[in-house]
PDB file of N, CA and C in Angstrom:
ATOM      1  N   MET A   1       3.757   4.186 -19.604  1.00  0.00           N
ATOM      2  CA  MET A   1       4.415   4.543 -18.361  1.00  0.00           C
ATOM      3  C   MET A   1       3.434   4.358 -17.202  1.00  0.00           C
ATOM      4  N   ALA A   2       3.881   3.724 -16.139  1.00  0.00           N
ATOM      5  CA  ALA A   2       3.026   3.473 -14.976  1.00  0.00           C
ATOM      6  C   ALA A   2       2.847   4.756 -14.166  1.00  0.00           C
ATOM      7  N   GLN A   3       1.614   4.998 -13.795  1.00  0.00           N
ATOM      8  CA  GLN A   3       1.328   6.166 -12.968  1.00  0.00           C
ATOM      9  C   GLN A   3       1.645   5.840 -11.513  1.00  0.00           C
ATOM     10  N   LYS A   4       2.285   6.780 -10.808  1.00  0.00           N
ATOM     11  CA  LYS A   4       2.634   6.573  -9.414  1.00  0.00           C
ATOM     12  C   LYS A   4       2.014   7.661  -8.559  1.00  0.00           C
ATOM     13  N   ILE A   5       1.768   7.302  -7.322  1.00  0.00           N
ATOM     14  CA  ILE A   5       1.286   8.272  -6.347  1.00  0.00           C
ATOM     15  C   ILE A   5       2.414   8.498  -5.355  1.00  0.00           C
ATOM     16  N   LYS A   6       2.864   9.729  -5.285  1.00  0.00           N
ATOM     17  CA  LYS A   6       4.004  10.050  -4.435  1.00  0.00           C
ATOM     18  C   LYS A   6       3.557  10.217  -2.985  1.00  0.00           C
ATOM     19  N   GLN A   7       4.214   9.472  -2.103  1.00  0.00           N
ATOM     20  CA  GLN A   7       3.963   9.630  -0.674  1.00  0.00           C
ATOM     21  C   GLN A   7       5.030  10.584  -0.145  1.00  0.00           C
ATOM     22  N   ILE A   8       4.610  11.546   0.626  1.00  0.00           N
ATOM     23  CA  ILE A   8       5.560  12.457   1.253  1.00  0.00           C
ATOM     24  C   ILE A   8       5.393  12.356   2.759  1.00  0.00           C
ATOM     25  N   ASP A   9       6.343  12.901   3.481  1.00  0.00           N
ATOM     26  CA  ASP A   9       6.407  12.705   4.928  1.00  0.00           C
ATOM     27  C   ASP A   9       5.096  12.951   5.657  1.00  0.00           C
ATOM     28  N   ASP A  10       4.403  14.021   5.312  1.00  0.00           N
ATOM     29  CA  ASP A  10       3.197  14.351   6.080  1.00  0.00           C
ATOM     30  C   ASP A  10       1.926  13.751   5.487  1.00  0.00           C
ATOM     31  N   ILE A  11       2.011  13.158   4.304  1.00  0.00           N
ATOM     32  CA  ILE A  11       0.842  12.511   3.702  1.00  0.00           C
ATOM     33  C   ILE A  11       1.276  11.131   3.208  1.00  0.00           C
ATOM     34  N   SER A  12       0.851  10.094   3.929  1.00  0.00           N
ATOM     35  CA  SER A  12       1.235   8.734   3.585  1.00  0.00           C
ATOM     36  C   SER A  12       0.106   7.785   3.959  1.00  0.00           C
ATOM     37  N   ILE A  13      -0.096   6.778   3.128  1.00  0.00           N
ATOM     38  CA  ILE A  13      -1.098   5.765   3.447  1.00  0.00           C
ATOM     39  C   ILE A  13      -0.465   4.584   4.181  1.00  0.00           C
ATOM     40  N   GLY A  14       0.812   4.707   4.508  1.00  0.00           N
ATOM     41  CA  GLY A  14       1.545   3.612   5.119  1.00  0.00           C
ATOM     42  C   GLY A  14       0.919   3.056   6.382  1.00  0.00           C
ATOM     43  N   GLU A  15       0.501   3.922   7.279  1.00  0.00           N
ATOM     44  CA  GLU A  15      -0.110   3.459   8.533  1.00  0.00           C
ATOM     45  C   GLU A  15      -1.409   2.715   8.253  1.00  0.00           C
ATOM     46  N   ASN A  16      -2.192   3.206   7.302  1.00  0.00           N
ATOM     47  CA  ASN A  16      -3.432   2.513   6.930  1.00  0.00           C
ATOM     48  C   ASN A  16      -3.127   1.137   6.344  1.00  0.00           C
ATOM     49  N   LEU A  17      -2.081   1.043   5.527  1.00  0.00           N
ATOM     50  CA  LEU A  17      -1.694  -0.249   4.970  1.00  0.00           C
ATOM     51  C   LEU A  17      -1.293  -1.217   6.078  1.00  0.00           C
ATOM     52  N   ARG A  18      -0.515  -0.719   7.036  1.00  0.00           N
ATOM     53  CA  ARG A  18      -0.076  -1.573   8.137  1.00  0.00           C
ATOM     54  C   ARG A  18      -1.280  -2.095   8.917  1.00  0.00           C
ATOM     55  N   GLN A  19      -2.221  -1.207   9.222  1.00  0.00           N
ATOM     56  CA  GLN A  19      -3.410  -1.620   9.979  1.00  0.00           C
ATOM     57  C   GLN A  19      -4.241  -2.635   9.200  1.00  0.00           C
ATOM     58  N   LEU A  20      -4.393  -2.416   7.901  1.00  0.00           N
ATOM     59  CA  LEU A  20      -5.146  -3.366   7.081  1.00  0.00           C
ATOM     60  C   LEU A  20      -4.448  -4.724   7.037  1.00  0.00           C
ATOM     61  N   ARG A  21      -3.125  -4.702   6.908  1.00  0.00           N
ATOM     62  CA  ARG A  21      -2.364  -5.951   6.866  1.00  0.00           C
ATOM     63  C   ARG A  21      -2.493  -6.710   8.176  1.00  0.00           C
ATOM     64  N   GLU A  22      -2.358  -5.990   9.279  1.00  0.00           N
ATOM     65  CA  GLU A  22      -2.461  -6.644  10.581  1.00  0.00           C
ATOM     66  C   GLU A  22      -3.874  -7.168  10.816  1.00  0.00           C
ATOM     67  N   SER A  23      -4.887  -6.428  10.384  1.00  0.00           N
ATOM     68  CA  SER A  23      -6.270  -6.883  10.522  1.00  0.00           C
ATOM     69  C   SER A  23      -6.519  -8.151   9.708  1.00  0.00           C
ATOM     70  N   ALA A  24      -5.799  -8.294   8.604  1.00  0.00           N
ATOM     71  CA  ALA A  24      -5.927  -9.473   7.752  1.00  0.00           C
ATOM     72  C   ALA A  24      -5.027 -10.620   8.231  1.00  0.00           C
ATOM     73  N   ASN A  25      -4.300 -10.389   9.339  1.00  0.00           N
ATOM     74  CA  ASN A  25      -3.370 -11.389   9.877  1.00  0.00           C
ATOM     75  C   ASN A  25      -2.372 -11.856   8.823  1.00  0.00           C
ATOM     76  N   MET A  26      -1.815 -10.886   8.114  1.00  0.00           N
ATOM     77  CA  MET A  26      -0.839 -11.190   7.069  1.00  0.00           C
ATOM     78  C   MET A  26       0.510 -10.586   7.425  1.00  0.00           C
ATOM     79  N   THR A  27       1.570 -11.234   6.946  1.00  0.00           N
ATOM     80  CA  THR A  27       2.910 -10.673   7.083  1.00  0.00           C
ATOM     81  C   THR A  27       3.199  -9.810   5.856  1.00  0.00           C
ATOM     82  N   GLN A  28       4.237  -8.995   5.939  1.00  0.00           N
ATOM     83  CA  GLN A  28       4.637  -8.208   4.775  1.00  0.00           C
ATOM     84  C   GLN A  28       5.016  -9.136   3.624  1.00  0.00           C
ATOM     85  N   GLU A  29       5.650 -10.253   3.935  1.00  0.00           N
ATOM     86  CA  GLU A  29       6.036 -11.227   2.915  1.00  0.00           C
ATOM     87  C   GLU A  29       4.803 -11.779   2.194  1.00  0.00           C
ATOM     88  N   GLN A  30       3.746 -12.054   2.943  1.00  0.00           N
ATOM     89  CA  GLN A  30       2.513 -12.580   2.347  1.00  0.00           C
ATOM     90  C   GLN A  30       1.851 -11.552   1.431  1.00  0.00           C
ATOM     91  N   VAL A  31       1.863 -10.288   1.843  1.00  0.00           N
ATOM     92  CA  VAL A  31       1.287  -9.239   0.994  1.00  0.00           C
ATOM     93  C   VAL A  31       2.109  -9.110  -0.287  1.00  0.00           C
ATOM     94  N   ALA A  32       3.428  -9.121  -0.154  1.00  0.00           N
ATOM     95  CA  ALA A  32       4.295  -9.043  -1.337  1.00  0.00           C
ATOM     96  C   ALA A  32       4.013 -10.215  -2.278  1.00  0.00           C
ATOM     97  N   ALA A  33       3.820 -11.413  -1.721  1.00  0.00           N
ATOM     98  CA  ALA A  33       3.520 -12.593  -2.543  1.00  0.00           C
ATOM     99  C   ALA A  33       2.192 -12.417  -3.269  1.00  0.00           C
ATOM    100  N   GLN A  34       1.195 -11.849  -2.598  1.00  0.00           N
ATOM    101  CA  GLN A  34      -0.100 -11.612  -3.238  1.00  0.00           C
ATOM    102  C   GLN A  34       0.031 -10.593  -4.373  1.00  0.00           C
ATOM    103  N   LEU A  35       0.865  -9.589  -4.185  1.00  0.00           N
ATOM    104  CA  LEU A  35       1.104  -8.610  -5.253  1.00  0.00           C
ATOM    105  C   LEU A  35       1.788  -9.299  -6.437  1.00  0.00           C
ATOM    106  N   GLN A  36       2.743 -10.182  -6.146  1.00  0.00           N
ATOM    107  CA  GLN A  36       3.445 -10.907  -7.208  1.00  0.00           C
ATOM    108  C   GLN A  36       2.480 -11.794  -7.993  1.00  0.00           C
ATOM    109  N   LEU A  37       1.522 -12.414  -7.292  1.00  0.00           N
ATOM    110  CA  LEU A  37       0.533 -13.253  -7.971  1.00  0.00           C
ATOM    111  C   LEU A  37      -0.322 -12.439  -8.944  1.00  0.00           C
ATOM    112  N   ARG A  38      -0.385 -11.133  -8.717  1.00  0.00           N
ATOM    113  CA  ARG A  38      -1.140 -10.236  -9.591  1.00  0.00           C
ATOM    114  C   ARG A  38      -0.224  -9.565 -10.617  1.00  0.00           C
ATOM    115  N   SER A  39       0.914 -10.200 -10.875  1.00  0.00           N
ATOM    116  CA  SER A  39       1.893  -9.720 -11.870  1.00  0.00           C
ATOM    117  C   SER A  39       2.491  -8.368 -11.517  1.00  0.00           C
ATOM    118  N   LEU A  40       2.615  -8.089 -10.217  1.00  0.00           N
ATOM    119  CA  LEU A  40       3.256  -6.860  -9.753  1.00  0.00           C
ATOM    120  C   LEU A  40       4.512  -7.265  -8.980  1.00  0.00           C
ATOM    121  N   PRO A  41       5.678  -7.180  -9.613  1.00  0.00           N
ATOM    122  CA  PRO A  41       6.904  -7.636  -8.971  1.00  0.00           C
ATOM    123  C   PRO A  41       7.263  -6.770  -7.762  1.00  0.00           C
ATOM    124  N   THR A  42       6.902  -7.235  -6.588  1.00  0.00           N
ATOM    125  CA  THR A  42       7.089  -6.469  -5.358  1.00  0.00           C
ATOM    126  C   THR A  42       7.775  -7.346  -4.321  1.00  0.00           C
ATOM    127  N   SER A  43       8.884  -6.867  -3.786  1.00  0.00           N
ATOM    128  CA  SER A  43       9.591  -7.601  -2.733  1.00  0.00           C
ATOM    129  C   SER A  43       9.008  -7.224  -1.371  1.00  0.00           C
ATOM    130  N   ARG A  44       9.359  -7.988  -0.351  1.00  0.00           N
ATOM    131  CA  ARG A  44       8.934  -7.641   0.992  1.00  0.00           C
ATOM    132  C   ARG A  44       9.509  -6.277   1.361  1.00  0.00           C
ATOM    133  N   SER A  45      10.737  -6.040   0.948  1.00  0.00           N
ATOM    134  CA  SER A  45      11.386  -4.762   1.232  1.00  0.00           C
ATOM    135  C   SER A  45      10.618  -3.591   0.606  1.00  0.00           C
ATOM    136  N   ALA A  46      10.174  -3.755  -0.638  1.00  0.00           N
ATOM    137  CA  ALA A  46       9.408  -2.691  -1.300  1.00  0.00           C
ATOM    138  C   ALA A  46       8.082  -2.478  -0.584  1.00  0.00           C
ATOM    139  N   TYR A  47       7.423  -3.574  -0.181  1.00  0.00           N
ATOM    140  CA  TYR A  47       6.159  -3.414   0.545  1.00  0.00           C
ATOM    141  C   TYR A  47       6.402  -2.722   1.884  1.00  0.00           C
ATOM    142  N   SER A  48       7.496  -3.062   2.546  1.00  0.00           N
ATOM    143  CA  SER A  48       7.853  -2.405   3.804  1.00  0.00           C
ATOM    144  C   SER A  48       7.985  -0.894   3.600  1.00  0.00           C
ATOM    145  N   GLN A  49       8.563  -0.505   2.468  1.00  0.00           N
ATOM    146  CA  GLN A  49       8.708   0.917   2.149  1.00  0.00           C
ATOM    147  C   GLN A  49       7.345   1.567   1.916  1.00  0.00           C
ATOM    148  N   MET A  50       6.388   0.811   1.379  1.00  0.00           N
ATOM    149  CA  MET A  50       5.030   1.347   1.215  1.00  0.00           C
ATOM    150  C   MET A  50       4.461   1.702   2.590  1.00  0.00           C
ATOM    151  N   GLU A  51       4.610   0.780   3.537  1.00  0.00           N
ATOM    152  CA  GLU A  51       4.095   1.031   4.886  1.00  0.00           C
ATOM    153  C   GLU A  51       4.843   2.166   5.571  1.00  0.00           C
ATOM    154  N   ALA A  52       6.115   2.318   5.253  1.00  0.00           N
ATOM    155  CA  ALA A  52       6.918   3.384   5.853  1.00  0.00           C
ATOM    156  C   ALA A  52       6.652   4.741   5.196  1.00  0.00           C
ATOM    157  N   GLY A  53       5.970   4.732   4.047  1.00  0.00           N
ATOM    158  CA  GLY A  53       5.669   5.981   3.355  1.00  0.00           C
ATOM    159  C   GLY A  53       6.822   6.506   2.532  1.00  0.00           C
ATOM    160  N   THR A  54       7.789   5.635   2.214  1.00  0.00           N
ATOM    161  CA  THR A  54       8.958   6.074   1.453  1.00  0.00           C
ATOM    162  C   THR A  54       8.972   5.507   0.036  1.00  0.00           C
ATOM    163  N   TYR A  55       7.865   4.925  -0.399  1.00  0.00           N
ATOM    164  CA  TYR A  55       7.770   4.283  -1.705  1.00  0.00           C
ATOM    165  C   TYR A  55       6.634   4.939  -2.475  1.00  0.00           C
ATOM    166  N   ASN A  56       6.908   5.316  -3.715  1.00  0.00           N
ATOM    167  CA  ASN A  56       5.870   5.894  -4.565  1.00  0.00           C
ATOM    168  C   ASN A  56       5.045   4.766  -5.166  1.00  0.00           C
ATOM    169  N   ILE A  57       3.834   4.619  -4.687  1.00  0.00           N
ATOM    170  CA  ILE A  57       2.978   3.498  -5.037  1.00  0.00           C
ATOM    171  C   ILE A  57       2.352   3.698  -6.415  1.00  0.00           C
ATOM    172  N   ARG A  58       2.417   2.650  -7.240  1.00  0.00           N
ATOM    173  CA  ARG A  58       1.771   2.690  -8.549  1.00  0.00           C
ATOM    174  C   ARG A  58       0.268   2.475  -8.358  1.00  0.00           C
ATOM    175  N   VAL A  59      -0.502   3.058  -9.250  1.00  0.00           N
ATOM    176  CA  VAL A  59      -1.960   2.915  -9.195  1.00  0.00           C
ATOM    177  C   VAL A  59      -2.337   1.435  -9.280  1.00  0.00           C
ATOM    178  N   SER A  60      -1.629   0.670 -10.087  1.00  0.00           N
ATOM    179  CA  SER A  60      -1.911  -0.766 -10.203  1.00  0.00           C
ATOM    180  C   SER A  60      -1.688  -1.474  -8.861  1.00  0.00           C
ATOM    181  N   GLU A  61      -0.709  -1.017  -8.093  1.00  0.00           N
ATOM    182  CA  GLU A  61      -0.465  -1.603  -6.768  1.00  0.00           C
ATOM    183  C   GLU A  61      -1.582  -1.238  -5.800  1.00  0.00           C
ATOM    184  N   LEU A  62      -2.055  -0.003  -5.881  1.00  0.00           N
ATOM    185  CA  LEU A  62      -3.186   0.403  -5.030  1.00  0.00           C
ATOM    186  C   LEU A  62      -4.408  -0.456  -5.313  1.00  0.00           C
ATOM    187  N   LYS A  63      -4.682  -0.663  -6.590  1.00  0.00           N
ATOM    188  CA  LYS A  63      -5.829  -1.476  -6.985  1.00  0.00           C
ATOM    189  C   LYS A  63      -5.693  -2.888  -6.411  1.00  0.00           C
ATOM    190  N   ALA A  64      -4.506  -3.453  -6.534  1.00  0.00           N
ATOM    191  CA  ALA A  64      -4.264  -4.803  -6.018  1.00  0.00           C
ATOM    192  C   ALA A  64      -4.386  -4.845  -4.499  1.00  0.00           C
ATOM    193  N   LEU A  65      -3.894  -3.835  -3.811  1.00  0.00           N
ATOM    194  CA  LEU A  65      -3.985  -3.807  -2.340  1.00  0.00           C
ATOM    195  C   LEU A  65      -5.433  -3.734  -1.871  1.00  0.00           C
ATOM    196  N   VAL A  66      -6.260  -2.998  -2.586  1.00  0.00           N
ATOM    197  CA  VAL A  66      -7.691  -2.944  -2.272  1.00  0.00           C
ATOM    198  C   VAL A  66      -8.287  -4.353  -2.373  1.00  0.00           C
ATOM    199  N   GLU A  67      -7.895  -5.087  -3.411  1.00  0.00           N
ATOM    200  CA  GLU A  67      -8.378  -6.459  -3.587  1.00  0.00           C
ATOM    201  C   GLU A  67      -7.845  -7.385  -2.489  1.00  0.00           C
ATOM    202  N   ILE A  68      -6.546  -7.297  -2.221  1.00  0.00           N
ATOM    203  CA  ILE A  68      -5.901  -8.175  -1.242  1.00  0.00           C
ATOM    204  C   ILE A  68      -6.522  -8.004   0.142  1.00  0.00           C
ATOM    205  N   PHE A  69      -6.766  -6.763   0.525  1.00  0.00           N
ATOM    206  CA  PHE A  69      -7.292  -6.486   1.868  1.00  0.00           C
ATOM    207  C   PHE A  69      -8.819  -6.455   1.908  1.00  0.00           C
ATOM    208  N   HIS A  70      -9.468  -6.730   0.770  1.00  0.00           N
ATOM    209  CA  HIS A  70     -10.944  -6.726   0.707  1.00  0.00           C
ATOM    210  C   HIS A  70     -11.497  -5.431   1.306  1.00  0.00           C
ATOM    211  N   THR A  71     -11.003  -4.328   0.785  1.00  0.00           N
ATOM    212  CA  THR A  71     -11.389  -3.008   1.305  1.00  0.00           C
ATOM    213  C   THR A  71     -11.724  -2.096   0.136  1.00  0.00           C
ATOM    214  N   ASP A  72     -11.759  -0.804   0.388  1.00  0.00           N
ATOM    215  CA  ASP A  72     -12.018   0.164  -0.677  1.00  0.00           C
ATOM    216  C   ASP A  72     -10.999   1.296  -0.593  1.00  0.00           C
ATOM    217  N   TYR A  73     -11.011   2.141  -1.592  1.00  0.00           N
ATOM    218  CA  TYR A  73     -10.035   3.234  -1.647  1.00  0.00           C
ATOM    219  C   TYR A  73     -10.213   4.212  -0.494  1.00  0.00           C
ATOM    220  N   ASN A  74     -11.457   4.454  -0.084  1.00  0.00           N
ATOM    221  CA  ASN A  74     -11.687   5.372   1.029  1.00  0.00           C
ATOM    222  C   ASN A  74     -10.958   4.919   2.282  1.00  0.00           C
ATOM    223  N   THR A  75     -10.945   3.611   2.528  1.00  0.00           N
ATOM    224  CA  THR A  75     -10.256   3.086   3.699  1.00  0.00           C
ATOM    225  C   THR A  75      -8.749   3.281   3.574  1.00  0.00           C
ATOM    226  N   LEU A  76      -8.212   3.082   2.376  1.00  0.00           N
ATOM    227  CA  LEU A  76      -6.773   3.296   2.184  1.00  0.00           C
ATOM    228  C   LEU A  76      -6.369   4.725   2.503  1.00  0.00           C
ATOM    229  N   PHE A  77      -7.224   5.677   2.141  1.00  0.00           N
ATOM    230  CA  PHE A  77      -6.888   7.088   2.314  1.00  0.00           C
ATOM    231  C   PHE A  77      -7.532   7.704   3.559  1.00  0.00           C
ATOM    232  N   ASN A  78      -8.142   6.887   4.387  1.00  0.00           N
ATOM    233  CA  ASN A  78      -8.832   7.365   5.582  1.00  0.00           C
ATOM    234  C   ASN A  78      -7.911   8.167   6.501  1.00  0.00           C
ATOM    235  N   GLY A  79      -8.397   9.319   6.937  1.00  0.00           N
ATOM    236  CA  GLY A  79      -7.681  10.113   7.918  1.00  0.00           C
ATOM    237  C   GLY A  79      -6.566  10.985   7.372  1.00  0.00           C
ATOM    238  N   LEU A  80      -6.338  10.954   6.077  1.00  0.00           N
ATOM    239  CA  LEU A  80      -5.256  11.779   5.514  1.00  0.00           C
ATOM    240  C   LEU A  80      -5.724  13.209   5.352  1.00  0.00           C
ATOM    241  N   LYS A  81      -4.870  14.096   5.759  1.00  0.00           N
ATOM    242  CA  LYS A  81      -5.162  15.529   5.601  1.00  0.00           C
ATOM    243  C   LYS A  81      -3.965  16.183   4.939  1.00  0.00           C
ATOM    244  N   TYR A  82      -4.254  17.125   4.108  1.00  0.00           N
ATOM    245  CA  TYR A  82      -3.184  17.884   3.460  1.00  0.00           C
ATOM    246  C   TYR A  82      -2.991  19.178   4.217  1.00  0.00           C
ATOM    247  N   ASN A  83      -1.817  19.332   4.798  1.00  0.00           N
ATOM    248  CA  ASN A  83      -1.503  20.550   5.551  1.00  0.00           C
ATOM    249  C   ASN A  83      -0.482  21.351   4.774  1.00  0.00           C
ATOM    250  N   LYS A  84      -0.940  22.454   4.224  1.00  0.00           N
ATOM    251  CA  LYS A  84      -0.058  23.285   3.383  1.00  0.00           C
ATOM    252  C   LYS A  84       0.625  24.320   4.216  1.00  0.00           C
TER     253      LYS A  84
END
């Protein structure tokens, strides 16, 4: 069973993903294609949901996104705070 990381309204990496994608001068379609090349069946719509924070991201997808954006996990989770 694939492990997923649940994004909720107040804690989401979506904005960080959007910034990384824009910094890489990539479209959502291009990121989805890169995920597909890594055997992760992801549509542009699903990637859009990742950026919107409404998609529960699999750990394998996080790993691939770190590779695609040539970044690290700290950058993906930068600025997130848990407010209970």
